[in-house]
N, C-alpha and C. Protein backbone atom coordinates (compact mmCIF):
# COMPACT_ATOMS: atom_id res chain seq x y z
N MET A 1 -173.21 -111.08 31.99
CA MET A 1 -173.43 -112.29 32.73
C MET A 1 -174.64 -113.00 32.14
N SER A 2 -174.53 -114.29 31.89
CA SER A 2 -175.70 -115.03 31.43
C SER A 2 -175.93 -116.21 32.36
N THR A 3 -177.16 -116.68 32.36
CA THR A 3 -177.51 -117.75 33.28
C THR A 3 -178.47 -118.73 32.64
N GLY A 4 -178.50 -119.97 33.18
CA GLY A 4 -179.46 -120.99 32.79
C GLY A 4 -180.25 -121.34 34.03
N LEU A 5 -181.43 -121.96 33.88
CA LEU A 5 -182.20 -122.17 35.09
C LEU A 5 -182.61 -123.60 35.39
N ILE A 6 -183.85 -124.00 35.19
CA ILE A 6 -184.38 -125.20 35.81
C ILE A 6 -184.45 -126.38 34.85
N LEU A 7 -184.11 -127.55 35.36
CA LEU A 7 -184.19 -128.80 34.62
C LEU A 7 -185.12 -129.73 35.38
N LEU A 8 -186.02 -130.40 34.68
CA LEU A 8 -186.94 -131.33 35.32
C LEU A 8 -186.61 -132.73 34.86
N ASN A 9 -186.28 -133.61 35.79
CA ASN A 9 -185.97 -135.01 35.48
C ASN A 9 -187.14 -135.88 35.89
N LYS A 10 -187.55 -136.79 35.03
CA LYS A 10 -188.60 -137.74 35.39
C LYS A 10 -187.95 -139.09 35.59
N ASN A 11 -188.18 -139.67 36.75
CA ASN A 11 -187.59 -140.96 37.10
C ASN A 11 -188.69 -141.97 37.39
N VAL A 12 -188.40 -143.24 37.16
CA VAL A 12 -189.34 -144.31 37.48
C VAL A 12 -188.72 -145.18 38.56
N TYR A 13 -189.42 -145.34 39.68
CA TYR A 13 -188.96 -146.15 40.80
C TYR A 13 -190.00 -147.22 41.10
N ALA A 14 -189.62 -148.47 41.06
CA ALA A 14 -190.49 -149.61 41.39
C ALA A 14 -191.83 -149.52 40.66
N GLY A 15 -191.79 -149.21 39.39
CA GLY A 15 -193.00 -149.16 38.59
C GLY A 15 -193.83 -147.91 38.77
N LYS A 16 -193.42 -147.03 39.68
CA LYS A 16 -194.17 -145.79 39.91
C LYS A 16 -193.41 -144.65 39.28
N ARG A 17 -194.14 -143.78 38.69
CA ARG A 17 -193.51 -142.62 38.08
C ARG A 17 -193.38 -141.52 39.13
N GLU A 18 -192.19 -141.05 39.28
CA GLU A 18 -191.94 -139.99 40.26
C GLU A 18 -191.20 -138.87 39.56
N VAL A 19 -191.60 -137.66 39.83
CA VAL A 19 -190.93 -136.52 39.22
C VAL A 19 -189.96 -135.95 40.24
N ALA A 20 -188.68 -135.97 39.91
CA ALA A 20 -187.66 -135.41 40.77
C ALA A 20 -187.16 -134.12 40.13
N MET A 21 -187.23 -133.06 40.86
CA MET A 21 -186.85 -131.79 40.30
C MET A 21 -185.43 -131.43 40.71
N THR A 22 -184.60 -131.23 39.73
CA THR A 22 -183.26 -130.76 39.98
C THR A 22 -183.18 -129.35 39.43
N GLU A 23 -183.02 -128.40 40.31
CA GLU A 23 -182.93 -127.02 39.88
C GLU A 23 -181.45 -126.69 39.71
N TYR A 24 -181.14 -125.98 38.65
CA TYR A 24 -179.75 -125.63 38.43
C TYR A 24 -179.64 -124.24 37.83
N LYS A 25 -178.46 -123.70 37.95
CA LYS A 25 -178.19 -122.38 37.39
C LYS A 25 -176.78 -122.42 36.83
N ILE A 26 -176.64 -121.89 35.63
CA ILE A 26 -175.33 -121.75 35.02
C ILE A 26 -175.01 -120.27 34.98
N ILE A 27 -173.92 -119.92 35.59
CA ILE A 27 -173.49 -118.53 35.62
C ILE A 27 -172.26 -118.41 34.72
N THR A 28 -172.34 -117.54 33.73
CA THR A 28 -171.26 -117.35 32.78
C THR A 28 -170.68 -115.96 32.96
N LEU A 29 -169.38 -115.91 33.14
CA LEU A 29 -168.69 -114.63 33.34
C LEU A 29 -167.55 -114.50 32.34
N PRO A 30 -167.22 -113.28 31.94
CA PRO A 30 -166.14 -113.09 30.98
C PRO A 30 -164.78 -113.46 31.58
N LYS A 31 -163.92 -113.93 30.74
CA LYS A 31 -162.59 -114.34 31.18
C LYS A 31 -161.74 -113.16 31.66
N THR A 32 -162.13 -111.96 31.30
CA THR A 32 -161.37 -110.78 31.68
C THR A 32 -161.59 -110.38 33.14
N MET A 33 -162.57 -110.97 33.81
CA MET A 33 -162.86 -110.62 35.21
C MET A 33 -161.81 -111.19 36.13
N SER A 34 -161.45 -110.43 37.15
CA SER A 34 -160.51 -110.92 38.16
C SER A 34 -161.23 -111.92 39.07
N LEU A 35 -160.47 -112.67 39.84
CA LEU A 35 -161.04 -113.64 40.77
C LEU A 35 -161.98 -112.96 41.75
N THR A 36 -161.59 -111.83 42.29
CA THR A 36 -162.43 -111.10 43.24
C THR A 36 -163.75 -110.70 42.60
N GLU A 37 -163.70 -110.21 41.36
CA GLU A 37 -164.92 -109.82 40.66
C GLU A 37 -165.80 -111.02 40.36
N ARG A 38 -165.18 -112.16 40.01
CA ARG A 38 -165.96 -113.38 39.73
C ARG A 38 -166.66 -113.87 40.98
N ILE A 39 -165.95 -113.89 42.10
CA ILE A 39 -166.56 -114.34 43.36
C ILE A 39 -167.75 -113.46 43.71
N SER A 40 -167.56 -112.16 43.59
CA SER A 40 -168.63 -111.21 43.89
C SER A 40 -169.81 -111.40 42.93
N GLY A 41 -169.52 -111.55 41.64
CA GLY A 41 -170.57 -111.73 40.64
C GLY A 41 -171.35 -113.02 40.83
N VAL A 42 -170.65 -114.11 41.11
CA VAL A 42 -171.33 -115.39 41.35
C VAL A 42 -172.18 -115.31 42.60
N SER A 43 -171.65 -114.71 43.65
CA SER A 43 -172.41 -114.57 44.90
C SER A 43 -173.69 -113.78 44.68
N GLU A 44 -173.59 -112.70 43.93
CA GLU A 44 -174.75 -111.86 43.64
C GLU A 44 -175.80 -112.64 42.83
N GLU A 45 -175.35 -113.37 41.81
CA GLU A 45 -176.27 -114.15 40.98
C GLU A 45 -176.96 -115.26 41.78
N ILE A 46 -176.21 -115.93 42.65
CA ILE A 46 -176.79 -116.99 43.48
C ILE A 46 -177.83 -116.41 44.43
N SER A 47 -177.52 -115.26 45.03
CA SER A 47 -178.48 -114.61 45.94
C SER A 47 -179.77 -114.27 45.21
N LYS A 48 -179.66 -113.70 44.01
CA LYS A 48 -180.85 -113.36 43.22
C LYS A 48 -181.64 -114.61 42.86
N TRP A 49 -180.91 -115.67 42.49
CA TRP A 49 -181.56 -116.93 42.12
C TRP A 49 -182.35 -117.49 43.29
N LEU A 50 -181.71 -117.57 44.46
CA LEU A 50 -182.39 -118.14 45.62
C LEU A 50 -183.61 -117.32 46.01
N GLU A 51 -183.52 -116.00 45.88
CA GLU A 51 -184.66 -115.14 46.20
C GLU A 51 -185.81 -115.31 45.21
N SER A 52 -185.50 -115.73 43.98
CA SER A 52 -186.53 -115.83 42.94
C SER A 52 -187.22 -117.19 42.90
N LEU A 53 -186.77 -118.14 43.67
CA LEU A 53 -187.34 -119.49 43.63
C LEU A 53 -188.80 -119.48 44.08
N GLU A 54 -189.64 -120.26 43.40
CA GLU A 54 -191.04 -120.40 43.82
C GLU A 54 -191.09 -121.07 45.19
N GLU A 55 -190.36 -122.15 45.33
CA GLU A 55 -190.25 -122.83 46.62
C GLU A 55 -188.97 -122.33 47.28
N PRO A 56 -189.09 -121.63 48.42
CA PRO A 56 -187.90 -121.04 49.03
C PRO A 56 -186.83 -122.09 49.38
N PHE A 57 -185.59 -121.66 49.34
CA PHE A 57 -184.47 -122.50 49.74
C PHE A 57 -184.57 -122.75 51.24
N ASN A 58 -184.54 -124.02 51.64
CA ASN A 58 -184.62 -124.40 53.04
C ASN A 58 -183.23 -124.81 53.52
N VAL A 59 -182.63 -124.02 54.36
CA VAL A 59 -181.27 -124.26 54.85
C VAL A 59 -181.16 -125.60 55.58
N ASN A 60 -182.26 -126.04 56.20
CA ASN A 60 -182.23 -127.28 56.98
C ASN A 60 -182.30 -128.54 56.13
N THR A 61 -182.86 -128.44 54.92
CA THR A 61 -183.04 -129.66 54.13
C THR A 61 -182.43 -129.60 52.73
N ASP A 62 -182.25 -128.41 52.18
CA ASP A 62 -181.76 -128.27 50.80
C ASP A 62 -180.25 -128.07 50.77
N VAL A 63 -179.65 -128.50 49.66
CA VAL A 63 -178.20 -128.37 49.48
C VAL A 63 -177.94 -127.77 48.11
N MET A 64 -177.04 -126.81 48.06
CA MET A 64 -176.60 -126.25 46.79
C MET A 64 -175.11 -126.50 46.67
N HIS A 65 -174.69 -126.93 45.47
CA HIS A 65 -173.26 -127.16 45.29
C HIS A 65 -172.84 -126.87 43.86
N LEU A 66 -171.57 -126.61 43.71
CA LEU A 66 -170.99 -126.40 42.38
C LEU A 66 -170.81 -127.76 41.75
N ALA A 67 -171.53 -128.01 40.67
CA ALA A 67 -171.49 -129.32 40.03
C ALA A 67 -170.43 -129.40 38.93
N LYS A 68 -170.15 -128.26 38.32
CA LYS A 68 -169.21 -128.27 37.21
C LYS A 68 -168.64 -126.87 37.03
N TYR A 69 -167.40 -126.82 36.60
CA TYR A 69 -166.72 -125.56 36.33
C TYR A 69 -166.03 -125.69 34.99
N GLU A 70 -166.25 -124.74 34.12
CA GLU A 70 -165.62 -124.75 32.80
C GLU A 70 -164.89 -123.43 32.59
N ARG A 71 -163.71 -123.55 32.01
CA ARG A 71 -162.94 -122.34 31.70
C ARG A 71 -162.47 -122.46 30.25
N ASN A 72 -163.19 -121.86 29.36
CA ASN A 72 -162.83 -121.82 27.95
C ASN A 72 -162.57 -120.37 27.60
N ASP A 73 -163.36 -119.81 26.71
CA ASP A 73 -163.24 -118.38 26.43
C ASP A 73 -164.01 -117.55 27.48
N LYS A 74 -164.79 -118.25 28.33
CA LYS A 74 -165.52 -117.64 29.44
C LYS A 74 -165.45 -118.59 30.63
N TYR A 75 -165.86 -118.10 31.79
CA TYR A 75 -165.98 -118.95 32.98
C TYR A 75 -167.44 -119.37 33.11
N ASN A 76 -167.68 -120.67 33.20
CA ASN A 76 -169.03 -121.20 33.40
C ASN A 76 -169.08 -121.97 34.71
N TYR A 77 -169.95 -121.53 35.60
CA TYR A 77 -170.15 -122.19 36.88
C TYR A 77 -171.53 -122.83 36.88
N HIS A 78 -171.59 -124.15 37.07
CA HIS A 78 -172.85 -124.89 37.06
C HIS A 78 -173.21 -125.24 38.51
N TYR A 79 -174.24 -124.60 39.04
CA TYR A 79 -174.69 -124.87 40.41
C TYR A 79 -175.97 -125.69 40.37
N ILE A 80 -176.06 -126.63 41.31
CA ILE A 80 -177.25 -127.49 41.43
C ILE A 80 -177.85 -127.31 42.82
N LEU A 81 -179.17 -127.26 42.84
CA LEU A 81 -179.91 -127.18 44.10
C LEU A 81 -180.65 -128.50 44.27
N ASP A 82 -180.27 -129.26 45.28
CA ASP A 82 -180.95 -130.52 45.60
C ASP A 82 -181.90 -130.29 46.76
N ARG A 83 -183.14 -130.61 46.52
CA ARG A 83 -184.18 -130.38 47.53
C ARG A 83 -184.30 -131.56 48.49
N ALA A 84 -184.46 -131.24 49.75
CA ALA A 84 -184.77 -132.22 50.81
C ALA A 84 -183.79 -133.39 50.85
N VAL A 85 -182.51 -133.11 50.71
CA VAL A 85 -181.52 -134.19 50.79
C VAL A 85 -180.96 -134.35 52.19
N LYS A 86 -181.08 -133.32 53.00
CA LYS A 86 -180.65 -133.43 54.39
C LYS A 86 -181.82 -133.95 55.21
N ASP A 87 -181.53 -134.79 56.18
CA ASP A 87 -182.55 -135.30 57.08
C ASP A 87 -182.62 -134.37 58.29
N PRO A 88 -183.72 -133.61 58.45
CA PRO A 88 -183.80 -132.66 59.56
C PRO A 88 -183.72 -133.34 60.93
N ASP A 89 -184.20 -134.60 61.04
CA ASP A 89 -184.12 -135.30 62.32
C ASP A 89 -182.67 -135.58 62.69
N LYS A 90 -181.89 -136.01 61.72
CA LYS A 90 -180.47 -136.28 61.98
C LYS A 90 -179.75 -134.99 62.33
N LYS A 91 -180.10 -133.90 61.67
CA LYS A 91 -179.47 -132.63 61.97
C LYS A 91 -179.80 -132.21 63.40
N SER A 92 -181.05 -132.41 63.79
CA SER A 92 -181.44 -132.07 65.16
C SER A 92 -180.67 -132.91 66.17
N GLU A 93 -180.51 -134.20 65.87
CA GLU A 93 -179.76 -135.07 66.77
C GLU A 93 -178.30 -134.64 66.86
N SER A 94 -177.70 -134.25 65.74
CA SER A 94 -176.31 -133.83 65.78
C SER A 94 -176.16 -132.52 66.54
N ARG A 95 -177.16 -131.64 66.42
CA ARG A 95 -177.12 -130.39 67.20
C ARG A 95 -177.23 -130.69 68.69
N LYS A 96 -178.11 -131.62 69.05
CA LYS A 96 -178.25 -131.99 70.46
C LYS A 96 -176.94 -132.56 70.99
N ALA A 97 -176.31 -133.43 70.20
CA ALA A 97 -175.04 -134.03 70.62
C ALA A 97 -173.97 -132.96 70.79
N ALA A 98 -173.96 -131.99 69.88
CA ALA A 98 -172.96 -130.90 69.97
C ALA A 98 -173.19 -130.06 71.22
N ARG A 99 -174.46 -129.83 71.57
CA ARG A 99 -174.77 -129.04 72.77
C ARG A 99 -174.36 -129.78 74.04
N ASN A 100 -174.49 -131.11 74.01
CA ASN A 100 -174.18 -131.89 75.21
C ASN A 100 -172.69 -132.06 75.45
N ASN A 101 -171.87 -131.79 74.45
CA ASN A 101 -170.41 -131.94 74.60
C ASN A 101 -169.75 -130.69 75.09
């Protein structure tokens, strides 16, 4: 299994320089693995990755998603971690609404 890690993007907004960090991981598995083994392997690698982050993964504000999937001579899964993309206030409001129904 091989993996890739962090990418740093520098963006300019309204004349101000802002550094936006996009963390990513590429998990590469051999084509000989069964679907069950791949799911287990990817899950294990993601768990290790999240545990190793300097800034812990925040379930309330952070989002992780599969950005790209490649199937050539190996399986490559490209996962991206977007920080603080969820609005915790909106989530709280939606939870309150769900409780009231």
